[in-house]
Amino acid sequence: GRTQISRNGGREPVWAHNRRELFFRDLSDGWLTVASYAADSSFAVQGWQRLFDATGYEAFPHWHGYDVTRDDERFIFIRSGSGGMEDLSLVLVQNLFTELEERVRR
């Protein structure tokens, strides 16, 4: 079945690692919000908490532009440069510790 989680509509849902909460951006004001729910057979929302204003970060229609750390306490968001989406870049660093060790030796 389906259960409405947000009160005003939401986007970019991300499950918490504790499996008892769902993070999403509230469509009415862009705030990151968390809904806690009962994970029993009823799957009833127990409450909502507005966490912070996330309007200064990129939002995407078909995927989430943020993620939550394993402890469900911190978030990583995408923030564009002054040129908008054209300034976005992704940097992948492989073997970070090897790279650091080499730099320290120099």
PDB file of N, CA and C in Angstrom:
ATOM      1  N   GLY A   1       0.818  -1.191   0.000  1.00  0.00           N
ATOM      2  CA  GLY A   1       0.000   0.000   0.000  1.00  0.00           C
ATOM      3  C   GLY A   1       0.854   1.244   0.000  1.00  0.00           C
ATOM      4  N   ARG A   2       0.190   2.356  -0.039  1.00  0.00           N
ATOM      5  CA  ARG A   2       0.868   3.657  -0.027  1.00  0.00           C
ATOM      6  C   ARG A   2       0.513   4.416   1.246  1.00  0.00           C
ATOM      7  N   THR A   3       1.489   5.138   1.751  1.00  0.00           N
ATOM      8  CA  THR A   3       1.296   5.986   2.928  1.00  0.00           C
ATOM      9  C   THR A   3       1.909   7.336   2.643  1.00  0.00           C
ATOM     10  N   GLN A   4       1.145   8.404   2.844  1.00  0.00           N
ATOM     11  CA  GLN A   4       1.700   9.741   2.653  1.00  0.00           C
ATOM     12  C   GLN A   4       2.569  10.088   3.847  1.00  0.00           C
ATOM     13  N   ILE A   5       3.807  10.457   3.563  1.00  0.00           N
ATOM     14  CA  ILE A   5       4.764  10.774   4.620  1.00  0.00           C
ATOM     15  C   ILE A   5       4.786  12.277   4.893  1.00  0.00           C
ATOM     16  N   SER A   6       4.808  13.080   3.841  1.00  0.00           N
ATOM     17  CA  SER A   6       4.895  14.530   4.015  1.00  0.00           C
ATOM     18  C   SER A   6       3.503  15.130   4.194  1.00  0.00           C
ATOM     19  N   ARG A   7       3.461  16.290   4.824  1.00  0.00           N
ATOM     20  CA  ARG A   7       2.186  16.991   4.981  1.00  0.00           C
ATOM     21  C   ARG A   7       1.941  17.962   3.839  1.00  0.00           C
ATOM     22  N   ASN A   8       3.030  18.517   3.280  1.00  0.00           N
ATOM     23  CA  ASN A   8       2.907  19.549   2.244  1.00  0.00           C
ATOM     24  C   ASN A   8       3.486  19.098   0.908  1.00  0.00           C
ATOM     25  N   GLY A   9       3.749  17.840   0.771  1.00  0.00           N
ATOM     26  CA  GLY A   9       4.439  17.344  -0.414  1.00  0.00           C
ATOM     27  C   GLY A   9       5.925  17.350  -0.144  1.00  0.00           C
ATOM     28  N   GLY A  10       6.624  16.428  -0.736  1.00  0.00           N
ATOM     29  CA  GLY A  10       8.055  16.335  -0.507  1.00  0.00           C
ATOM     30  C   GLY A  10       8.758  15.768  -1.720  1.00  0.00           C
ATOM     31  N   ARG A  11      10.073  15.919  -1.720  1.00  0.00           N
ATOM     32  CA  ARG A  11      10.890  15.363  -2.793  1.00  0.00           C
ATOM     33  C   ARG A  11      12.225  14.926  -2.205  1.00  0.00           C
ATOM     34  N   GLU A  12      12.975  14.172  -2.980  1.00  0.00           N
ATOM     35  CA  GLU A  12      14.295  13.684  -2.606  1.00  0.00           C
ATOM     36  C   GLU A  12      14.284  12.900  -1.284  1.00  0.00           C
ATOM     37  N   PRO A  13      13.451  11.866  -1.189  1.00  0.00           N
ATOM     38  CA  PRO A  13      13.427  11.081   0.056  1.00  0.00           C
ATOM     39  C   PRO A  13      14.688  10.235   0.205  1.00  0.00           C
ATOM     40  N   VAL A  14      15.198  10.166   1.430  1.00  0.00           N
ATOM     41  CA  VAL A  14      16.368   9.341   1.749  1.00  0.00           C
ATOM     42  C   VAL A  14      16.075   8.629   3.073  1.00  0.00           C
ATOM     43  N   TRP A  15      16.161   7.307   3.064  1.00  0.00           N
ATOM     44  CA  TRP A  15      15.938   6.545   4.291  1.00  0.00           C
ATOM     45  C   TRP A  15      17.108   6.729   5.243  1.00  0.00           C
ATOM     46  N   ALA A  16      16.801   6.859   6.518  1.00  0.00           N
ATOM     47  CA  ALA A  16      17.832   6.888   7.555  1.00  0.00           C
ATOM     48  C   ALA A  16      18.399   5.489   7.722  1.00  0.00           C
ATOM     49  N   HIS A  17      19.639   5.401   8.150  1.00  0.00           N
ATOM     50  CA  HIS A  17      20.264   4.105   8.369  1.00  0.00           C
ATOM     51  C   HIS A  17      19.630   3.354   9.535  1.00  0.00           C
ATOM     52  N   ASN A  18      18.998   4.087  10.456  1.00  0.00           N
ATOM     53  CA  ASN A  18      18.344   3.430  11.588  1.00  0.00           C
ATOM     54  C   ASN A  18      17.015   2.782  11.201  1.00  0.00           C
ATOM     55  N   ARG A  19      16.569   3.013   9.965  1.00  0.00           N
ATOM     56  CA  ARG A  19      15.342   2.428   9.408  1.00  0.00           C
ATOM     57  C   ARG A  19      14.073   2.845  10.145  1.00  0.00           C
ATOM     58  N   ARG A  20      14.163   3.921  10.932  1.00  0.00           N
ATOM     59  CA  ARG A  20      12.989   4.419  11.642  1.00  0.00           C
ATOM     60  C   ARG A  20      12.614   5.839  11.230  1.00  0.00           C
ATOM     61  N   GLU A  21      13.350   6.388  10.248  1.00  0.00           N
ATOM     62  CA  GLU A  21      13.108   7.766   9.820  1.00  0.00           C
ATOM     63  C   GLU A  21      13.287   7.883   8.311  1.00  0.00           C
ATOM     64  N   LEU A  22      12.637   8.897   7.762  1.00  0.00           N
ATOM     65  CA  LEU A  22      12.780   9.206   6.349  1.00  0.00           C
ATOM     66  C   LEU A  22      13.030  10.703   6.222  1.00  0.00           C
ATOM     67  N   PHE A  23      14.136  11.073   5.578  1.00  0.00           N
ATOM     68  CA  PHE A  23      14.461  12.474   5.331  1.00  0.00           C
ATOM     69  C   PHE A  23      13.887  12.871   3.973  1.00  0.00           C
ATOM     70  N   PHE A  24      13.446  14.113   3.844  1.00  0.00           N
ATOM     71  CA  PHE A  24      12.967  14.621   2.562  1.00  0.00           C
ATOM     72  C   PHE A  24      12.964  16.138   2.586  1.00  0.00           C
ATOM     73  N   ARG A  25      12.919  16.735   1.394  1.00  0.00           N
ATOM     74  CA  ARG A  25      12.773  18.190   1.296  1.00  0.00           C
ATOM     75  C   ARG A  25      11.293  18.514   1.214  1.00  0.00           C
ATOM     76  N   ASP A  26      10.847  19.391   2.086  1.00  0.00           N
ATOM     77  CA  ASP A  26       9.450  19.820   2.097  1.00  0.00           C
ATOM     78  C   ASP A  26       9.204  20.730   0.897  1.00  0.00           C
ATOM     79  N   LEU A  27       8.194  20.423   0.102  1.00  0.00           N
ATOM     80  CA  LEU A  27       7.913  21.215  -1.096  1.00  0.00           C
ATOM     81  C   LEU A  27       7.420  22.619  -0.787  1.00  0.00           C
ATOM     82  N   SER A  28       6.852  22.830   0.397  1.00  0.00           N
ATOM     83  CA  SER A  28       6.308  24.162   0.704  1.00  0.00           C
ATOM     84  C   SER A  28       7.386  25.196   0.972  1.00  0.00           C
ATOM     85  N   ASP A  29       8.541  24.784   1.534  1.00  0.00           N
ATOM     86  CA  ASP A  29       9.553  25.780   1.894  1.00  0.00           C
ATOM     87  C   ASP A  29      10.995  25.332   1.650  1.00  0.00           C
ATOM     88  N   GLY A  30      11.219  24.104   1.181  1.00  0.00           N
ATOM     89  CA  GLY A  30      12.579  23.636   0.891  1.00  0.00           C
ATOM     90  C   GLY A  30      13.363  23.153   2.091  1.00  0.00           C
ATOM     91  N   TRP A  31      12.767  23.142   3.274  1.00  0.00           N
ATOM     92  CA  TRP A  31      13.471  22.686   4.463  1.00  0.00           C
ATOM     93  C   TRP A  31      13.676  21.182   4.424  1.00  0.00           C
ATOM     94  N   LEU A  32      14.833  20.721   4.910  1.00  0.00           N
ATOM     95  CA  LEU A  32      15.031  19.294   5.086  1.00  0.00           C
ATOM     96  C   LEU A  32      14.234  18.900   6.322  1.00  0.00           C
ATOM     97  N   THR A  33      13.437  17.883   6.166  1.00  0.00           N
ATOM     98  CA  THR A  33      12.526  17.445   7.214  1.00  0.00           C
ATOM     99  C   THR A  33      12.736  15.960   7.434  1.00  0.00           C
ATOM    100  N   VAL A  34      12.500  15.510   8.653  1.00  0.00           N
ATOM    101  CA  VAL A  34      12.584  14.083   8.946  1.00  0.00           C
ATOM    102  C   VAL A  34      11.227  13.637   9.489  1.00  0.00           C
ATOM    103  N   ALA A  35      10.752  12.530   8.973  1.00  0.00           N
ATOM    104  CA  ALA A  35       9.522  11.916   9.468  1.00  0.00           C
ATOM    105  C   ALA A  35       9.905  10.632  10.182  1.00  0.00           C
ATOM    106  N   SER A  36       9.428  10.482  11.410  1.00  0.00           N
ATOM    107  CA  SER A  36       9.647   9.228  12.124  1.00  0.00           C
ATOM    108  C   SER A  36       8.361   8.418  12.011  1.00  0.00           C
ATOM    109  N   TYR A  37       8.503   7.124  11.978  1.00  0.00           N
ATOM    110  CA  TYR A  37       7.327   6.287  11.770  1.00  0.00           C
ATOM    111  C   TYR A  37       7.442   5.003  12.576  1.00  0.00           C
ATOM    112  N   ALA A  38       6.305   4.394  12.776  1.00  0.00           N
ATOM    113  CA  ALA A  38       6.254   3.093  13.427  1.00  0.00           C
ATOM    114  C   ALA A  38       6.491   2.040  12.358  1.00  0.00           C
ATOM    115  N   ALA A  39       7.487   1.235  12.545  1.00  0.00           N
ATOM    116  CA  ALA A  39       7.845   0.245  11.536  1.00  0.00           C
ATOM    117  C   ALA A  39       7.120  -1.075  11.761  1.00  0.00           C
ATOM    118  N   ASP A  40       5.915  -0.998  12.267  1.00  0.00           N
ATOM    119  CA  ASP A  40       5.133  -2.220  12.434  1.00  0.00           C
ATOM    120  C   ASP A  40       4.232  -2.411  11.222  1.00  0.00           C
ATOM    121  N   SER A  41       3.255  -3.230  11.317  1.00  0.00           N
ATOM    122  CA  SER A  41       2.394  -3.517  10.172  1.00  0.00           C
ATOM    123  C   SER A  41       1.562  -2.308   9.735  1.00  0.00           C
ATOM    124  N   SER A  42       1.380  -1.322  10.626  1.00  0.00           N
ATOM    125  CA  SER A  42       0.563  -0.150  10.270  1.00  0.00           C
ATOM    126  C   SER A  42       1.352   0.907   9.505  1.00  0.00           C
ATOM    127  N   PHE A  43       2.671   0.964   9.690  1.00  0.00           N
ATOM    128  CA  PHE A  43       3.536   1.967   9.074  1.00  0.00           C
ATOM    129  C   PHE A  43       2.935   3.365   9.222  1.00  0.00           C
ATOM    130  N   ALA A  44       2.678   3.782  10.437  1.00  0.00           N
ATOM    131  CA  ALA A  44       2.079   5.084  10.708  1.00  0.00           C
ATOM    132  C   ALA A  44       3.152   6.110  11.039  1.00  0.00           C
ATOM    133  N   VAL A  45       3.029   7.319  10.465  1.00  0.00           N
ATOM    134  CA  VAL A  45       3.953   8.410  10.773  1.00  0.00           C
ATOM    135  C   VAL A  45       3.683   8.870  12.196  1.00  0.00           C
ATOM    136  N   GLN A  46       4.734   8.933  12.994  1.00  0.00           N
ATOM    137  CA  GLN A  46       4.596   9.341  14.390  1.00  0.00           C
ATOM    138  C   GLN A  46       4.855  10.823  14.591  1.00  0.00           C
ATOM    139  N   GLY A  47       5.629  11.443  13.700  1.00  0.00           N
ATOM    140  CA  GLY A  47       5.907  12.863  13.844  1.00  0.00           C
ATOM    141  C   GLY A  47       6.871  13.358  12.790  1.00  0.00           C
ATOM    142  N   TRP A  48       6.956  14.674  12.681  1.00  0.00           N
ATOM    143  CA  TRP A  48       7.847  15.333  11.736  1.00  0.00           C
ATOM    144  C   TRP A  48       8.703  16.333  12.495  1.00  0.00           C
ATOM    145  N   GLN A  49       9.909  16.551  11.997  1.00  0.00           N
ATOM    146  CA  GLN A  49      10.771  17.579  12.570  1.00  0.00           C
ATOM    147  C   GLN A  49      11.500  18.284  11.432  1.00  0.00           C
ATOM    148  N   ARG A  50      11.358  19.603  11.406  1.00  0.00           N
ATOM    149  CA  ARG A  50      12.105  20.398  10.427  1.00  0.00           C
ATOM    150  C   ARG A  50      13.535  20.506  10.928  1.00  0.00           C
ATOM    151  N   LEU A  51      14.498  20.167  10.068  1.00  0.00           N
ATOM    152  CA  LEU A  51      15.892  20.155  10.494  1.00  0.00           C
ATOM    153  C   LEU A  51      16.612  21.455  10.162  1.00  0.00           C
ATOM    154  N   PHE A  52      16.603  21.874   8.889  1.00  0.00           N
ATOM    155  CA  PHE A  52      17.258  23.121   8.505  1.00  0.00           C
ATOM    156  C   PHE A  52      16.820  23.507   7.098  1.00  0.00           C
ATOM    157  N   ASP A  53      17.066  24.773   6.769  1.00  0.00           N
ATOM    158  CA  ASP A  53      16.727  25.313   5.459  1.00  0.00           C
ATOM    159  C   ASP A  53      17.717  24.774   4.430  1.00  0.00           C
ATOM    160  N   ALA A  54      17.232  24.014   3.459  1.00  0.00           N
ATOM    161  CA  ALA A  54      18.097  23.408   2.448  1.00  0.00           C
ATOM    162  C   ALA A  54      17.929  24.073   1.086  1.00  0.00           C
ATOM    163  N   THR A  55      17.355  25.269   1.052  1.00  0.00           N
ATOM    164  CA  THR A  55      17.110  25.922  -0.235  1.00  0.00           C
ATOM    165  C   THR A  55      18.394  26.404  -0.903  1.00  0.00           C
ATOM    166  N   GLY A  56      19.481  26.536  -0.180  1.00  0.00           N
ATOM    167  CA  GLY A  56      20.741  26.997  -0.762  1.00  0.00           C
ATOM    168  C   GLY A  56      21.526  25.896  -1.455  1.00  0.00           C
ATOM    169  N   TYR A  57      20.962  24.701  -1.507  1.00  0.00           N
ATOM    170  CA  TYR A  57      21.646  23.565  -2.115  1.00  0.00           C
ATOM    171  C   TYR A  57      20.865  23.078  -3.327  1.00  0.00           C
ATOM    172  N   GLU A  58      21.582  22.409  -4.223  1.00  0.00           N
ATOM    173  CA  GLU A  58      20.956  21.924  -5.450  1.00  0.00           C
ATOM    174  C   GLU A  58      19.849  20.924  -5.142  1.00  0.00           C
ATOM    175  N   ALA A  59      18.777  21.012  -5.899  1.00  0.00           N
ATOM    176  CA  ALA A  59      17.669  20.063  -5.815  1.00  0.00           C
ATOM    177  C   ALA A  59      17.446  19.493  -7.206  1.00  0.00           C
ATOM    178  N   PHE A  60      17.180  18.226  -7.271  1.00  0.00           N
ATOM    179  CA  PHE A  60      17.032  17.553  -8.554  1.00  0.00           C
ATOM    180  C   PHE A  60      15.683  16.847  -8.619  1.00  0.00           C
ATOM    181  N   PRO A  61      15.047  16.859  -9.778  1.00  0.00           N
ATOM    182  CA  PRO A  61      13.703  16.272  -9.865  1.00  0.00           C
ATOM    183  C   PRO A  61      13.666  14.750  -9.835  1.00  0.00           C
ATOM    184  N   HIS A  62      14.719  14.077 -10.271  1.00  0.00           N
ATOM    185  CA  HIS A  62      14.649  12.628 -10.409  1.00  0.00           C
ATOM    186  C   HIS A  62      15.611  11.845  -9.518  1.00  0.00           C
ATOM    187  N   TRP A  63      16.413  12.528  -8.729  1.00  0.00           N
ATOM    188  CA  TRP A  63      17.300  11.862  -7.787  1.00  0.00           C
ATOM    189  C   TRP A  63      17.634  12.835  -6.674  1.00  0.00           C
ATOM    190  N   HIS A  64      18.105  12.335  -5.556  1.00  0.00           N
ATOM    191  CA  HIS A  64      18.380  13.223  -4.426  1.00  0.00           C
ATOM    192  C   HIS A  64      19.779  13.815  -4.545  1.00  0.00           C
ATOM    193  N   GLY A  65      19.878  15.103  -4.214  1.00  0.00           N
ATOM    194  CA  GLY A  65      21.135  15.830  -4.302  1.00  0.00           C
ATOM    195  C   GLY A  65      21.841  15.900  -2.959  1.00  0.00           C
ATOM    196  N   TYR A  66      21.540  14.974  -2.078  1.00  0.00           N
ATOM    197  CA  TYR A  66      22.188  14.936  -0.774  1.00  0.00           C
ATOM    198  C   TYR A  66      22.200  13.501  -0.279  1.00  0.00           C
ATOM    199  N   ASP A  67      22.980  13.271   0.767  1.00  0.00           N
ATOM    200  CA  ASP A  67      22.973  11.964   1.414  1.00  0.00           C
ATOM    201  C   ASP A  67      23.209  12.174   2.901  1.00  0.00           C
ATOM    202  N   VAL A  68      22.969  11.147   3.662  1.00  0.00           N
ATOM    203  CA  VAL A  68      23.105  11.211   5.114  1.00  0.00           C
ATOM    204  C   VAL A  68      24.204  10.246   5.546  1.00  0.00           C
ATOM    205  N   THR A  69      24.968  10.645   6.569  1.00  0.00           N
ATOM    206  CA  THR A  69      26.042   9.793   7.064  1.00  0.00           C
ATOM    207  C   THR A  69      25.471   8.577   7.788  1.00  0.00           C
ATOM    208  N   ARG A  70      26.323   7.581   8.022  1.00  0.00           N
ATOM    209  CA  ARG A  70      25.864   6.327   8.632  1.00  0.00           C
ATOM    210  C   ARG A  70      25.260   6.508  10.021  1.00  0.00           C
ATOM    211  N   ASP A  71      25.682   7.549  10.734  1.00  0.00           N
ATOM    212  CA  ASP A  71      25.125   7.779  12.068  1.00  0.00           C
ATOM    213  C   ASP A  71      23.843   8.617  12.022  1.00  0.00           C
ATOM    214  N   ASP A  72      23.396   8.969  10.829  1.00  0.00           N
ATOM    215  CA  ASP A  72      22.173   9.754  10.622  1.00  0.00           C
ATOM    216  C   ASP A  72      22.222  11.122  11.298  1.00  0.00           C
ATOM    217  N   GLU A  73      23.412  11.637  11.506  1.00  0.00           N
ATOM    218  CA  GLU A  73      23.571  12.921  12.192  1.00  0.00           C
ATOM    219  C   GLU A  73      24.062  14.041  11.276  1.00  0.00           C
ATOM    220  N   ARG A  74      24.692  13.706  10.152  1.00  0.00           N
ATOM    221  CA  ARG A  74      25.248  14.721   9.260  1.00  0.00           C
ATOM    222  C   ARG A  74      24.811  14.442   7.828  1.00  0.00           C
ATOM    223  N   PHE A  75      24.867  15.512   7.041  1.00  0.00           N
ATOM    224  CA  PHE A  75      24.418  15.423   5.661  1.00  0.00           C
ATOM    225  C   PHE A  75      25.473  15.988   4.729  1.00  0.00           C
ATOM    226  N   ILE A  76      25.485  15.494   3.519  1.00  0.00           N
ATOM    227  CA  ILE A  76      26.335  16.068   2.487  1.00  0.00           C
ATOM    228  C   ILE A  76      25.416  16.499   1.352  1.00  0.00           C
ATOM    229  N   PHE A  77      25.563  17.756   0.942  1.00  0.00           N
ATOM    230  CA  PHE A  77      24.722  18.344  -0.098  1.00  0.00           C
ATOM    231  C   PHE A  77      25.586  18.805  -1.260  1.00  0.00           C
ATOM    232  N   ILE A  78      24.961  19.045  -2.382  1.00  0.00           N
ATOM    233  CA  ILE A  78      25.625  19.612  -3.543  1.00  0.00           C
ATOM    234  C   ILE A  78      25.278  21.091  -3.593  1.00  0.00           C
ATOM    235  N   ARG A  79      26.297  21.931  -3.651  1.00  0.00           N
ATOM    236  CA  ARG A  79      26.090  23.371  -3.786  1.00  0.00           C
ATOM    237  C   ARG A  79      26.756  23.808  -5.072  1.00  0.00           C
ATOM    238  N   SER A  80      26.014  24.478  -5.915  1.00  0.00           N
ATOM    239  CA  SER A  80      26.583  24.907  -7.193  1.00  0.00           C
ATOM    240  C   SER A  80      27.383  26.191  -7.003  1.00  0.00           C
ATOM    241  N   GLY A  81      28.262  26.443  -7.970  1.00  0.00           N
ATOM    242  CA  GLY A  81      29.018  27.685  -7.967  1.00  0.00           C
ATOM    243  C   GLY A  81      28.147  28.816  -8.476  1.00  0.00           C
ATOM    244  N   SER A  82      28.721  29.963  -8.664  1.00  0.00           N
ATOM    245  CA  SER A  82      27.956  31.135  -9.091  1.00  0.00           C
ATOM    246  C   SER A  82      27.382  30.981 -10.487  1.00  0.00           C
ATOM    247  N   GLY A  83      27.928  30.052 -11.281  1.00  0.00           N
ATOM    248  CA  GLY A  83      27.448  29.858 -12.647  1.00  0.00           C
ATOM    249  C   GLY A  83      26.328  28.843 -12.752  1.00  0.00           C
ATOM    250  N   GLY A  84      25.832  28.343 -11.627  1.00  0.00           N
ATOM    251  CA  GLY A  84      24.754  27.372 -11.669  1.00  0.00           C
ATOM    252  C   GLY A  84      25.270  25.975 -11.946  1.00  0.00           C
ATOM    253  N   MET A  85      24.453  25.193 -12.599  1.00  0.00           N
ATOM    254  CA  MET A  85      24.773  23.788 -12.845  1.00  0.00           C
ATOM    255  C   MET A  85      26.037  23.613 -13.675  1.00  0.00           C
ATOM    256  N   GLU A  86      26.400  24.598 -14.475  1.00  0.00           N
ATOM    257  CA  GLU A  86      27.600  24.474 -15.307  1.00  0.00           C
ATOM    258  C   GLU A  86      28.863  24.383 -14.463  1.00  0.00           C
ATOM    259  N   ASP A  87      28.837  24.922 -13.245  1.00  0.00           N
ATOM    260  CA  ASP A  87      30.016  24.918 -12.382  1.00  0.00           C
ATOM    261  C   ASP A  87      30.159  23.648 -11.548  1.00  0.00           C
ATOM    262  N   LEU A  88      29.172  22.766 -11.600  1.00  0.00           N
ATOM    263  CA  LEU A  88      29.245  21.559 -10.796  1.00  0.00           C
ATOM    264  C   LEU A  88      30.302  20.619 -11.349  1.00  0.00           C
ATOM    265  N   SER A  89      31.055  20.031 -10.454  1.00  0.00           N
ATOM    266  CA  SER A  89      32.013  19.013 -10.870  1.00  0.00           C
ATOM    267  C   SER A  89      32.095  17.968  -9.773  1.00  0.00           C
ATOM    268  N   LEU A  90      32.467  16.793 -10.164  1.00  0.00           N
ATOM    269  CA  LEU A  90      32.615  15.692  -9.232  1.00  0.00           C
ATOM    270  C   LEU A  90      34.075  15.262  -9.250  1.00  0.00           C
ATOM    271  N   VAL A  91      34.656  15.146  -8.072  1.00  0.00           N
ATOM    272  CA  VAL A  91      36.046  14.727  -7.960  1.00  0.00           C
ATOM    273  C   VAL A  91      36.068  13.399  -7.234  1.00  0.00           C
ATOM    274  N   LEU A  92      36.628  12.397  -7.869  1.00  0.00           N
ATOM    275  CA  LEU A  92      36.767  11.075  -7.275  1.00  0.00           C
ATOM    276  C   LEU A  92      38.234  10.854  -6.961  1.00  0.00           C
ATOM    277  N   VAL A  93      38.527  10.604  -5.699  1.00  0.00           N
ATOM    278  CA  VAL A  93      39.904  10.346  -5.288  1.00  0.00           C
ATOM    279  C   VAL A  93      39.985   8.885  -4.879  1.00  0.00           C
ATOM    280  N   GLN A  94      40.764   8.137  -5.629  1.00  0.00           N
ATOM    281  CA  GLN A  94      40.985   6.739  -5.286  1.00  0.00           C
ATOM    282  C   GLN A  94      42.334   6.617  -4.598  1.00  0.00           C
ATOM    283  N   ASN A  95      42.434   5.671  -3.691  1.00  0.00           N
ATOM    284  CA  ASN A  95      43.684   5.431  -2.957  1.00  0.00           C
ATOM    285  C   ASN A  95      44.143   6.700  -2.238  1.00  0.00           C
ATOM    286  N   LEU A  96      43.244   7.341  -1.537  1.00  0.00           N
ATOM    287  CA  LEU A  96      43.531   8.608  -0.866  1.00  0.00           C
ATOM    288  C   LEU A  96      44.703   8.484   0.101  1.00  0.00           C
ATOM    289  N   PHE A  97      44.726   7.434   0.910  1.00  0.00           N
ATOM    290  CA  PHE A  97      45.783   7.316   1.910  1.00  0.00           C
ATOM    291  C   PHE A  97      47.149   7.077   1.270  1.00  0.00           C
ATOM    292  N   THR A  98      47.183   6.351   0.170  1.00  0.00           N
ATOM    293  CA  THR A  98      48.441   6.163  -0.563  1.00  0.00           C
ATOM    294  C   THR A  98      48.938   7.499  -1.083  1.00  0.00           C
ATOM    295  N   GLU A  99      48.035   8.281  -1.644  1.00  0.00           N
ATOM    296  CA  GLU A  99      48.382   9.615  -2.151  1.00  0.00           C
ATOM    297  C   GLU A  99      48.911  10.502  -1.023  1.00  0.00           C
ATOM    298  N   LEU A 100      48.259  10.480   0.136  1.00  0.00           N
ATOM    299  CA  LEU A 100      48.705  11.289   1.267  1.00  0.00           C
ATOM    300  C   LEU A 100      50.077  10.854   1.772  1.00  0.00           C
ATOM    301  N   GLU A 101      50.281   9.543   1.871  1.00  0.00           N
ATOM    302  CA  GLU A 101      51.582   9.041   2.318  1.00  0.00           C
ATOM    303  C   GLU A 101      52.702   9.500   1.386  1.00  0.00           C
ATOM    304  N   GLU A 102      52.460   9.461   0.085  1.00  0.00           N
ATOM    305  CA  GLU A 102      53.476   9.906  -0.877  1.00  0.00           C
ATOM    306  C   GLU A 102      53.762  11.385  -0.730  1.00  0.00           C
ATOM    307  N   ARG A 103      52.732  12.173  -0.492  1.00  0.00           N
ATOM    308  CA  ARG A 103      52.937  13.606  -0.332  1.00  0.00           C
ATOM    309  C   ARG A 103      53.677  13.940   0.953  1.00  0.00           C
ATOM    310  N   VAL A 104      53.418  13.192   2.014  1.00  0.00           N
ATOM    311  CA  VAL A 104      54.081  13.421   3.302  1.00  0.00           C
ATOM    312  C   VAL A 104      55.565  13.074   3.200  1.00  0.00           C
ATOM    313  N   ARG A 105      55.879  12.007   2.476  1.00  0.00           N
ATOM    314  CA  ARG A 105      57.280  11.610   2.308  1.00  0.00           C
ATOM    315  C   ARG A 105      58.082  12.661   1.563  1.00  0.00           C
ATOM    316  N   ARG A 106      57.442  13.384   0.661  1.00  0.00           N
ATOM    317  CA  ARG A 106      58.155  14.419  -0.109  1.00  0.00           C
ATOM    318  C   ARG A 106      58.424  15.556   0.815  1.00  0.00           C
TER     319      ARG A 106
END
